[in-house]
Amino acid sequence: MEYQEAKDKFISTWGSLGTLWGINKAMAQIQALLFISTKPLSMEDIMEDLKISRGNTSMNLRQLMDWGIVTKVLVSGERKEFFTTEKDVQELARVIAKERSRREIKPVIKVLDEVSSIKDDGTEITKELIKQTKALHNLTKDADAMINKLMDQKQNWLTKSVFKLIK
């Protein structure tokens, strides 16, 4: 396999995986392109390489910056904006996990807390709703706490955590 074929395959696969994780394909492909790039890329570079529109590129770069995965960088002598992404795979995973917790898990915990705290009217259906939502609330809260603890272990957090589980 030649470089271009491998590059295209990686970007395409990363884009497909992104959709499974709730990230749109173009957003994942932009991050993949930046991830394997040896230098920061301009919006025009990204548009040309991925064959996507300016609006799509701009919107997805903004979202990636909101996630903390992509940053703008200054290139001496250039007026264009250039972008790069986190290159450390474990740090990238940590940032993504932290952001997913903030965007997805914390709101679910809040809703489960509200639902499980309803007034118990003594009926069987209310008792079951409270019981099951409390159990789910506790499980979700514990999972989030575990994720946060892992995220606090910046250096090699994933590797260290997996080895601790194996021992």
N, C-alpha and C. Protein backbone atom coordinates (compact mmCIF):
# COMPACT_ATOMS: atom_id res chain seq x y z
N MET A 1 0.86 -1.18 0.00
CA MET A 1 0.00 0.00 0.00
C MET A 1 0.90 1.23 0.00
N GLU A 2 0.60 2.15 -0.88
CA GLU A 2 1.36 3.40 -0.97
C GLU A 2 0.83 4.41 0.04
N TYR A 3 1.60 5.48 0.26
CA TYR A 3 1.26 6.50 1.25
C TYR A 3 -0.16 7.05 1.05
N GLN A 4 -0.49 7.51 -0.15
CA GLN A 4 -1.79 8.16 -0.38
C GLN A 4 -2.95 7.23 -0.09
N GLU A 5 -2.81 5.97 -0.50
CA GLU A 5 -3.87 4.99 -0.25
C GLU A 5 -4.02 4.75 1.26
N ALA A 6 -2.89 4.61 1.95
CA ALA A 6 -2.92 4.40 3.41
C ALA A 6 -3.53 5.62 4.11
N LYS A 7 -3.13 6.80 3.69
CA LYS A 7 -3.65 8.05 4.28
C LYS A 7 -5.16 8.13 4.08
N ASP A 8 -5.62 7.91 2.85
CA ASP A 8 -7.06 7.96 2.56
C ASP A 8 -7.83 6.93 3.36
N LYS A 9 -7.27 5.73 3.47
CA LYS A 9 -7.93 4.66 4.22
C LYS A 9 -8.03 5.01 5.71
N PHE A 10 -6.95 5.55 6.27
CA PHE A 10 -6.96 5.95 7.68
C PHE A 10 -8.01 7.03 7.93
N ILE A 11 -8.02 8.07 7.10
CA ILE A 11 -8.96 9.19 7.28
C ILE A 11 -10.39 8.71 7.11
N SER A 12 -10.63 7.87 6.12
CA SER A 12 -11.98 7.34 5.90
C SER A 12 -12.45 6.47 7.06
N THR A 13 -11.56 5.61 7.54
CA THR A 13 -11.91 4.74 8.67
C THR A 13 -12.16 5.55 9.93
N TRP A 14 -11.30 6.53 10.19
CA TRP A 14 -11.48 7.39 11.38
C TRP A 14 -12.80 8.14 11.29
N GLY A 15 -13.17 8.58 10.08
CA GLY A 15 -14.45 9.26 9.88
C GLY A 15 -15.62 8.34 10.18
N SER A 16 -15.53 7.10 9.73
CA SER A 16 -16.59 6.12 10.00
C SER A 16 -16.69 5.80 11.49
N LEU A 17 -15.54 5.65 12.15
CA LEU A 17 -15.55 5.39 13.59
C LEU A 17 -16.17 6.57 14.35
N GLY A 18 -15.86 7.77 13.90
CA GLY A 18 -16.42 8.96 14.55
C GLY A 18 -17.93 8.93 14.58
N THR A 19 -18.54 8.49 13.49
CA THR A 19 -20.01 8.45 13.45
C THR A 19 -20.56 7.45 14.47
N LEU A 20 -19.80 6.38 14.74
CA LEU A 20 -20.22 5.42 15.75
C LEU A 20 -20.15 6.01 17.15
N TRP A 21 -19.27 6.99 17.34
CA TRP A 21 -19.09 7.63 18.64
C TRP A 21 -19.90 8.92 18.77
N GLY A 22 -20.77 9.20 17.80
CA GLY A 22 -21.61 10.38 17.88
C GLY A 22 -20.94 11.64 17.37
N ILE A 23 -19.89 11.51 16.60
CA ILE A 23 -19.19 12.66 16.01
C ILE A 23 -19.41 12.58 14.51
N ASN A 24 -19.72 13.71 13.89
CA ASN A 24 -19.99 13.62 12.46
C ASN A 24 -18.73 13.27 11.68
N LYS A 25 -18.95 12.68 10.51
CA LYS A 25 -17.87 12.14 9.70
C LYS A 25 -16.82 13.19 9.33
N ALA A 26 -17.26 14.36 8.88
CA ALA A 26 -16.31 15.41 8.48
C ALA A 26 -15.46 15.85 9.67
N MET A 27 -16.06 15.97 10.83
CA MET A 27 -15.33 16.39 12.03
C MET A 27 -14.23 15.37 12.34
N ALA A 28 -14.56 14.10 12.30
CA ALA A 28 -13.58 13.05 12.57
C ALA A 28 -12.49 13.02 11.50
N GLN A 29 -12.87 13.24 10.25
CA GLN A 29 -11.89 13.22 9.17
C GLN A 29 -10.92 14.40 9.28
N ILE A 30 -11.43 15.56 9.66
CA ILE A 30 -10.55 16.73 9.85
C ILE A 30 -9.54 16.43 10.95
N GLN A 31 -10.02 15.88 12.07
CA GLN A 31 -9.12 15.56 13.16
C GLN A 31 -8.09 14.52 12.72
N ALA A 32 -8.51 13.53 11.97
CA ALA A 32 -7.59 12.49 11.48
C ALA A 32 -6.52 13.09 10.57
N LEU A 33 -6.94 13.97 9.68
CA LEU A 33 -5.98 14.61 8.77
C LEU A 33 -4.95 15.42 9.56
N LEU A 34 -5.42 16.20 10.52
CA LEU A 34 -4.50 16.99 11.35
C LEU A 34 -3.60 16.07 12.18
N PHE A 35 -4.14 14.96 12.63
CA PHE A 35 -3.40 14.02 13.47
C PHE A 35 -2.19 13.44 12.74
N ILE A 36 -2.32 13.17 11.46
CA ILE A 36 -1.22 12.56 10.72
C ILE A 36 -0.38 13.59 9.96
N SER A 37 -0.78 14.85 10.02
CA SER A 37 -0.04 15.89 9.31
C SER A 37 1.26 16.22 10.05
N THR A 38 2.30 16.49 9.29
CA THR A 38 3.59 16.83 9.90
C THR A 38 3.70 18.32 10.21
N LYS A 39 2.72 19.10 9.74
CA LYS A 39 2.73 20.54 9.99
C LYS A 39 1.30 21.04 10.15
N PRO A 40 1.12 22.21 10.76
CA PRO A 40 -0.23 22.76 10.86
C PRO A 40 -0.82 22.99 9.47
N LEU A 41 -2.13 22.84 9.35
CA LEU A 41 -2.81 23.01 8.07
C LEU A 41 -3.77 24.19 8.12
N SER A 42 -3.91 24.87 6.99
CA SER A 42 -4.88 25.97 6.88
C SER A 42 -6.24 25.38 6.54
N MET A 43 -7.27 26.19 6.67
CA MET A 43 -8.60 25.76 6.32
C MET A 43 -8.64 25.33 4.85
N GLU A 44 -7.95 26.07 4.01
CA GLU A 44 -7.91 25.76 2.58
C GLU A 44 -7.24 24.41 2.33
N ASP A 45 -6.16 24.13 3.07
CA ASP A 45 -5.48 22.83 2.95
C ASP A 45 -6.45 21.70 3.28
N ILE A 46 -7.19 21.87 4.36
CA ILE A 46 -8.14 20.86 4.83
C ILE A 46 -9.26 20.67 3.81
N MET A 47 -9.81 21.78 3.33
CA MET A 47 -10.89 21.72 2.34
C MET A 47 -10.44 20.97 1.09
N GLU A 48 -9.27 21.30 0.62
CA GLU A 48 -8.74 20.69 -0.61
C GLU A 48 -8.49 19.19 -0.41
N ASP A 49 -7.84 18.85 0.69
CA ASP A 49 -7.49 17.46 0.93
C ASP A 49 -8.72 16.58 1.12
N LEU A 50 -9.71 17.08 1.87
CA LEU A 50 -10.89 16.26 2.18
C LEU A 50 -12.05 16.49 1.22
N LYS A 51 -11.92 17.45 0.34
CA LYS A 51 -12.97 17.77 -0.64
C LYS A 51 -14.30 18.11 0.06
N ILE A 52 -14.20 19.02 1.04
CA ILE A 52 -15.40 19.48 1.76
C ILE A 52 -15.48 21.00 1.67
N SER A 53 -16.67 21.51 1.88
CA SER A 53 -16.92 22.95 1.71
C SER A 53 -16.29 23.78 2.82
N ARG A 54 -16.16 25.07 2.56
CA ARG A 54 -15.63 26.01 3.55
C ARG A 54 -16.51 26.04 4.80
N GLY A 55 -17.81 26.08 4.60
CA GLY A 55 -18.73 26.13 5.73
C GLY A 55 -18.62 24.88 6.61
N ASN A 56 -18.57 23.72 5.98
CA ASN A 56 -18.44 22.46 6.69
C ASN A 56 -17.11 22.41 7.45
N THR A 57 -16.04 22.84 6.78
CA THR A 57 -14.72 22.86 7.41
C THR A 57 -14.70 23.81 8.59
N SER A 58 -15.21 25.01 8.39
CA SER A 58 -15.21 26.02 9.44
C SER A 58 -16.01 25.57 10.66
N MET A 59 -17.21 25.06 10.42
CA MET A 59 -18.08 24.62 11.50
C MET A 59 -17.42 23.49 12.30
N ASN A 60 -16.83 22.53 11.60
CA ASN A 60 -16.23 21.39 12.29
C ASN A 60 -14.93 21.75 13.00
N LEU A 61 -14.16 22.67 12.45
CA LEU A 61 -12.96 23.15 13.15
C LEU A 61 -13.35 23.84 14.46
N ARG A 62 -14.42 24.64 14.40
CA ARG A 62 -14.90 25.31 15.63
C ARG A 62 -15.31 24.28 16.67
N GLN A 63 -16.03 23.24 16.25
CA GLN A 63 -16.45 22.20 17.19
C GLN A 63 -15.25 21.47 17.77
N LEU A 64 -14.27 21.16 16.93
CA LEU A 64 -13.07 20.49 17.42
C LEU A 64 -12.30 21.36 18.41
N MET A 65 -12.29 22.68 18.16
CA MET A 65 -11.65 23.59 19.12
C MET A 65 -12.45 23.66 20.41
N ASP A 66 -13.79 23.63 20.32
CA ASP A 66 -14.63 23.61 21.52
C ASP A 66 -14.35 22.36 22.35
N TRP A 67 -14.08 21.26 21.69
CA TRP A 67 -13.77 20.01 22.38
C TRP A 67 -12.38 20.06 23.01
N GLY A 68 -11.55 20.99 22.56
CA GLY A 68 -10.18 21.09 23.08
C GLY A 68 -9.22 20.15 22.37
N ILE A 69 -9.62 19.66 21.20
CA ILE A 69 -8.80 18.69 20.46
C ILE A 69 -7.95 19.39 19.41
N VAL A 70 -8.47 20.47 18.84
CA VAL A 70 -7.76 21.22 17.80
C VAL A 70 -7.48 22.62 18.31
N THR A 71 -6.30 23.13 17.95
CA THR A 71 -5.95 24.49 18.32
C THR A 71 -5.45 25.25 17.10
N LYS A 72 -5.64 26.58 17.15
CA LYS A 72 -5.09 27.46 16.13
C LYS A 72 -3.63 27.69 16.46
N VAL A 73 -2.82 27.77 15.42
CA VAL A 73 -1.41 28.07 15.64
C VAL A 73 -0.98 29.18 14.68
N LEU A 74 -0.03 29.97 15.12
CA LEU A 74 0.51 31.03 14.27
C LEU A 74 1.64 30.47 13.44
N VAL A 75 1.60 30.78 12.15
CA VAL A 75 2.69 30.40 11.25
C VAL A 75 3.34 31.69 10.80
N SER A 76 4.60 31.84 11.13
CA SER A 76 5.33 33.06 10.83
C SER A 76 5.24 33.43 9.36
N GLY A 77 4.87 34.70 9.11
CA GLY A 77 4.79 35.21 7.75
C GLY A 77 3.49 34.90 7.03
N GLU A 78 2.56 34.21 7.68
CA GLU A 78 1.28 33.84 7.06
C GLU A 78 0.14 34.64 7.67
N ARG A 79 -0.82 35.02 6.85
CA ARG A 79 -2.01 35.71 7.35
C ARG A 79 -3.16 34.74 7.61
N LYS A 80 -3.10 33.57 6.99
CA LYS A 80 -4.14 32.55 7.17
C LYS A 80 -4.05 31.98 8.58
N GLU A 81 -5.17 31.39 9.01
CA GLU A 81 -5.18 30.65 10.27
C GLU A 81 -4.76 29.23 9.97
N PHE A 82 -3.97 28.68 10.87
CA PHE A 82 -3.54 27.29 10.74
C PHE A 82 -3.99 26.52 11.97
N PHE A 83 -4.14 25.21 11.79
CA PHE A 83 -4.70 24.36 12.84
C PHE A 83 -3.85 23.12 13.03
N THR A 84 -3.85 22.65 14.28
CA THR A 84 -3.16 21.40 14.60
C THR A 84 -4.00 20.67 15.65
N THR A 85 -3.66 19.42 15.88
CA THR A 85 -4.38 18.64 16.88
C THR A 85 -3.39 18.03 17.86
N GLU A 86 -3.90 17.57 18.96
CA GLU A 86 -3.08 16.86 19.95
C GLU A 86 -2.49 15.63 19.29
N LYS A 87 -1.20 15.43 19.44
CA LYS A 87 -0.51 14.31 18.81
C LYS A 87 -0.31 13.13 19.76
N ASP A 88 -0.34 13.39 21.06
CA ASP A 88 -0.19 12.32 22.05
C ASP A 88 -1.52 11.56 22.14
N VAL A 89 -1.51 10.30 21.76
CA VAL A 89 -2.74 9.51 21.68
C VAL A 89 -3.43 9.40 23.04
N GLN A 90 -2.65 9.21 24.10
CA GLN A 90 -3.26 9.07 25.42
C GLN A 90 -3.85 10.39 25.91
N GLU A 91 -3.17 11.50 25.62
CA GLU A 91 -3.72 12.80 26.00
C GLU A 91 -4.98 13.09 25.19
N LEU A 92 -4.98 12.71 23.93
CA LEU A 92 -6.15 12.88 23.08
C LEU A 92 -7.34 12.09 23.65
N ALA A 93 -7.09 10.85 24.04
CA ALA A 93 -8.15 10.03 24.64
C ALA A 93 -8.65 10.65 25.94
N ARG A 94 -7.72 11.21 26.73
CA ARG A 94 -8.11 11.85 28.00
C ARG A 94 -9.00 13.05 27.76
N VAL A 95 -8.63 13.89 26.79
CA VAL A 95 -9.42 15.09 26.49
C VAL A 95 -10.80 14.70 25.98
N ILE A 96 -10.86 13.71 25.10
CA ILE A 96 -12.15 13.26 24.55
C ILE A 96 -13.03 12.69 25.67
N ALA A 97 -12.45 11.86 26.52
CA ALA A 97 -13.22 11.27 27.62
C ALA A 97 -13.77 12.35 28.55
N LYS A 98 -12.94 13.33 28.86
CA LYS A 98 -13.37 14.42 29.74
C LYS A 98 -14.52 15.21 29.11
N GLU A 99 -14.41 15.50 27.84
CA GLU A 99 -15.45 16.27 27.15
C GLU A 99 -16.73 15.46 27.00
N ARG A 100 -16.61 14.18 26.72
CA ARG A 100 -17.81 13.33 26.62
C ARG A 100 -18.51 13.24 27.97
N SER A 101 -17.75 13.19 29.05
CA SER A 101 -18.33 13.18 30.37
C SER A 101 -19.13 14.46 30.60
N ARG A 102 -18.52 15.59 30.27
CA ARG A 102 -19.18 16.88 30.47
C ARG A 102 -20.44 17.01 29.61
N ARG A 103 -20.38 16.59 28.38
CA ARG A 103 -21.49 16.78 27.45
C ARG A 103 -22.58 15.72 27.56
N GLU A 104 -22.19 14.50 27.91
CA GLU A 104 -23.14 13.39 27.84
C GLU A 104 -23.48 12.77 29.19
N ILE A 105 -22.47 12.44 29.96
CA ILE A 105 -22.73 11.70 31.20
C ILE A 105 -23.29 12.59 32.29
N LYS A 106 -22.71 13.77 32.50
CA LYS A 106 -23.18 14.66 33.57
C LYS A 106 -24.66 15.04 33.40
N PRO A 107 -25.12 15.37 32.18
CA PRO A 107 -26.55 15.66 32.02
C PRO A 107 -27.45 14.46 32.34
N VAL A 108 -26.99 13.25 32.01
CA VAL A 108 -27.77 12.04 32.33
C VAL A 108 -27.83 11.86 33.84
N ILE A 109 -26.72 12.08 34.52
CA ILE A 109 -26.70 11.96 35.99
C ILE A 109 -27.70 12.93 36.61
N LYS A 110 -27.73 14.14 36.08
CA LYS A 110 -28.66 15.15 36.60
C LYS A 110 -30.11 14.71 36.43
N VAL A 111 -30.46 14.21 35.26
CA VAL A 111 -31.84 13.76 34.99
C VAL A 111 -32.18 12.57 35.88
N LEU A 112 -31.26 11.61 35.99
CA LEU A 112 -31.53 10.44 36.84
C LEU A 112 -31.70 10.84 38.29
N ASP A 113 -30.95 11.82 38.74
CA ASP A 113 -31.09 12.31 40.11
C ASP A 113 -32.48 12.92 40.32
N GLU A 114 -32.91 13.72 39.35
CA GLU A 114 -34.24 14.34 39.44
C GLU A 114 -35.34 13.28 39.44
N VAL A 115 -35.25 12.34 38.51
CA VAL A 115 -36.30 11.32 38.37
C VAL A 115 -36.34 10.40 39.59
N SER A 116 -35.18 10.02 40.10
CA SER A 116 -35.15 9.10 41.24
C SER A 116 -35.54 9.79 42.55
N SER A 117 -35.65 11.10 42.53
CA SER A 117 -36.00 11.84 43.74
C SER A 117 -37.48 12.24 43.79
N ILE A 118 -38.29 11.63 42.92
CA ILE A 118 -39.72 11.99 42.93
C ILE A 118 -40.36 11.54 44.24
N LYS A 119 -41.49 12.12 44.53
CA LYS A 119 -42.22 11.78 45.75
C LYS A 119 -42.75 10.35 45.65
N ASP A 120 -42.48 9.57 46.68
CA ASP A 120 -42.97 8.19 46.72
C ASP A 120 -44.42 8.20 47.18
N ASP A 121 -45.33 7.87 46.26
CA ASP A 121 -46.75 7.87 46.59
C ASP A 121 -47.21 6.52 47.12
N GLY A 122 -46.25 5.59 47.30
CA GLY A 122 -46.58 4.29 47.87
C GLY A 122 -47.00 3.25 46.84
N THR A 123 -47.21 3.63 45.59
CA THR A 123 -47.64 2.65 44.59
C THR A 123 -46.44 1.81 44.14
N GLU A 124 -46.77 0.63 43.65
CA GLU A 124 -45.72 -0.29 43.18
C GLU A 124 -44.95 0.30 42.00
N ILE A 125 -45.65 0.96 41.08
CA ILE A 125 -44.97 1.50 39.89
C ILE A 125 -44.04 2.65 40.25
N THR A 126 -44.44 3.47 41.21
CA THR A 126 -43.58 4.58 41.64
C THR A 126 -42.35 4.04 42.35
N LYS A 127 -42.57 3.06 43.25
CA LYS A 127 -41.44 2.46 43.96
C LYS A 127 -40.44 1.84 42.98
N GLU A 128 -40.95 1.16 41.93
CA GLU A 128 -40.07 0.53 40.94
C GLU A 128 -39.30 1.59 40.15
N LEU A 129 -39.98 2.66 39.77
CA LEU A 129 -39.31 3.76 39.04
C LEU A 129 -38.19 4.35 39.88
N ILE A 130 -38.48 4.62 41.14
CA ILE A 130 -37.46 5.18 42.05
C ILE A 130 -36.30 4.21 42.22
N LYS A 131 -36.61 2.95 42.47
CA LYS A 131 -35.57 1.94 42.68
C LYS A 131 -34.65 1.82 41.47
N GLN A 132 -35.24 1.68 40.30
CA GLN A 132 -34.44 1.44 39.09
C GLN A 132 -33.66 2.69 38.67
N THR A 133 -34.26 3.86 38.79
CA THR A 133 -33.54 5.07 38.39
C THR A 133 -32.44 5.41 39.40
N LYS A 134 -32.65 5.09 40.69
CA LYS A 134 -31.58 5.28 41.68
C LYS A 134 -30.41 4.35 41.38
N ALA A 135 -30.72 3.10 41.04
CA ALA A 135 -29.66 2.14 40.72
C ALA A 135 -28.87 2.61 39.50
N LEU A 136 -29.57 3.07 38.48
CA LEU A 136 -28.91 3.56 37.28
C LEU A 136 -28.13 4.84 37.56
N HIS A 137 -28.70 5.71 38.40
CA HIS A 137 -28.02 6.95 38.80
C HIS A 137 -26.70 6.62 39.50
N ASN A 138 -26.74 5.67 40.45
CA ASN A 138 -25.54 5.30 41.19
C ASN A 138 -24.48 4.68 40.28
N LEU A 139 -24.92 3.81 39.38
CA LEU A 139 -23.99 3.19 38.44
C LEU A 139 -23.34 4.24 37.54
N THR A 140 -24.14 5.14 36.99
CA THR A 140 -23.64 6.17 36.09
C THR A 140 -22.69 7.12 36.83
N LYS A 141 -23.06 7.48 38.04
CA LYS A 141 -22.22 8.37 38.85
C LYS A 141 -20.89 7.70 39.17
N ASP A 142 -20.92 6.41 39.52
CA ASP A 142 -19.68 5.67 39.81
C ASP A 142 -18.80 5.56 38.56
N ALA A 143 -19.42 5.27 37.43
CA ALA A 143 -18.67 5.17 36.17
C ALA A 143 -18.02 6.51 35.82
N ASP A 144 -18.77 7.59 36.01
CA ASP A 144 -18.23 8.92 35.73
C ASP A 144 -17.08 9.24 36.68
N ALA A 145 -17.22 8.88 37.94
CA ALA A 145 -16.15 9.11 38.91
C ALA A 145 -14.90 8.32 38.53
N MET A 146 -15.09 7.09 38.04
CA MET A 146 -13.96 6.29 37.63
C MET A 146 -13.28 6.92 36.40
N ILE A 147 -14.07 7.37 35.46
CA ILE A 147 -13.52 8.03 34.27
C ILE A 147 -12.74 9.28 34.68
N ASN A 148 -13.31 10.07 35.59
CA ASN A 148 -12.63 11.28 36.05
C ASN A 148 -11.33 10.96 36.77
N LYS A 149 -11.33 9.89 37.54
CA LYS A 149 -10.10 9.48 38.23
C LYS A 149 -9.04 9.07 37.21
N LEU A 150 -9.44 8.34 36.20
CA LEU A 150 -8.51 7.95 35.14
C LEU A 150 -7.98 9.18 34.41
N MET A 151 -8.85 10.15 34.16
CA MET A 151 -8.45 11.35 33.42
C MET A 151 -7.46 12.19 34.22
N ASP A 152 -7.51 12.11 35.53
CA ASP A 152 -6.59 12.87 36.36
C ASP A 152 -5.18 12.30 36.33
N GLN A 153 -5.07 11.07 35.90
CA GLN A 153 -3.76 10.43 35.77
C GLN A 153 -3.20 10.76 34.38
N LYS A 154 -2.74 11.98 34.20
CA LYS A 154 -2.36 12.47 32.87
C LYS A 154 -1.37 11.58 32.13
N GLN A 155 -0.25 11.30 32.74
CA GLN A 155 0.78 10.57 32.02
C GLN A 155 0.46 9.08 31.98
N ASN A 156 0.28 8.56 30.79
CA ASN A 156 0.00 7.15 30.56
C ASN A 156 -1.17 6.63 31.39
N TRP A 157 -2.20 7.44 31.56
CA TRP A 157 -3.33 7.06 32.40
C TRP A 157 -4.01 5.80 31.91
N LEU A 158 -4.15 5.66 30.62
CA LEU A 158 -4.85 4.50 30.08
C LEU A 158 -4.03 3.23 30.32
N THR A 159 -2.77 3.27 29.98
CA THR A 159 -1.91 2.11 30.14
C THR A 159 -1.81 1.71 31.61
N LYS A 160 -1.55 2.69 32.48
CA LYS A 160 -1.42 2.38 33.91
C LYS A 160 -2.72 1.79 34.45
N SER A 161 -3.85 2.34 34.03
CA SER A 161 -5.15 1.87 34.53
C SER A 161 -5.43 0.45 34.07
N VAL A 162 -5.12 0.15 32.82
CA VAL A 162 -5.35 -1.20 32.31
C VAL A 162 -4.48 -2.20 33.06
N PHE A 163 -3.20 -1.85 33.29
CA PHE A 163 -2.32 -2.76 34.01
C PHE A 163 -2.79 -2.97 35.43
N LYS A 164 -3.34 -1.94 36.09
CA LYS A 164 -3.85 -2.09 37.44
C LYS A 164 -5.05 -3.06 37.46
N LEU A 165 -5.88 -2.99 36.40
CA LEU A 165 -7.04 -3.88 36.34
C LEU A 165 -6.62 -5.32 36.11
N ILE A 166 -5.52 -5.53 35.37
CA ILE A 166 -5.06 -6.86 35.04
C ILE A 166 -4.41 -7.54 36.25
N LYS A 167 -3.72 -6.77 37.07
CA LYS A 167 -2.98 -7.35 38.21
C LYS A 167 -3.88 -8.01 39.20
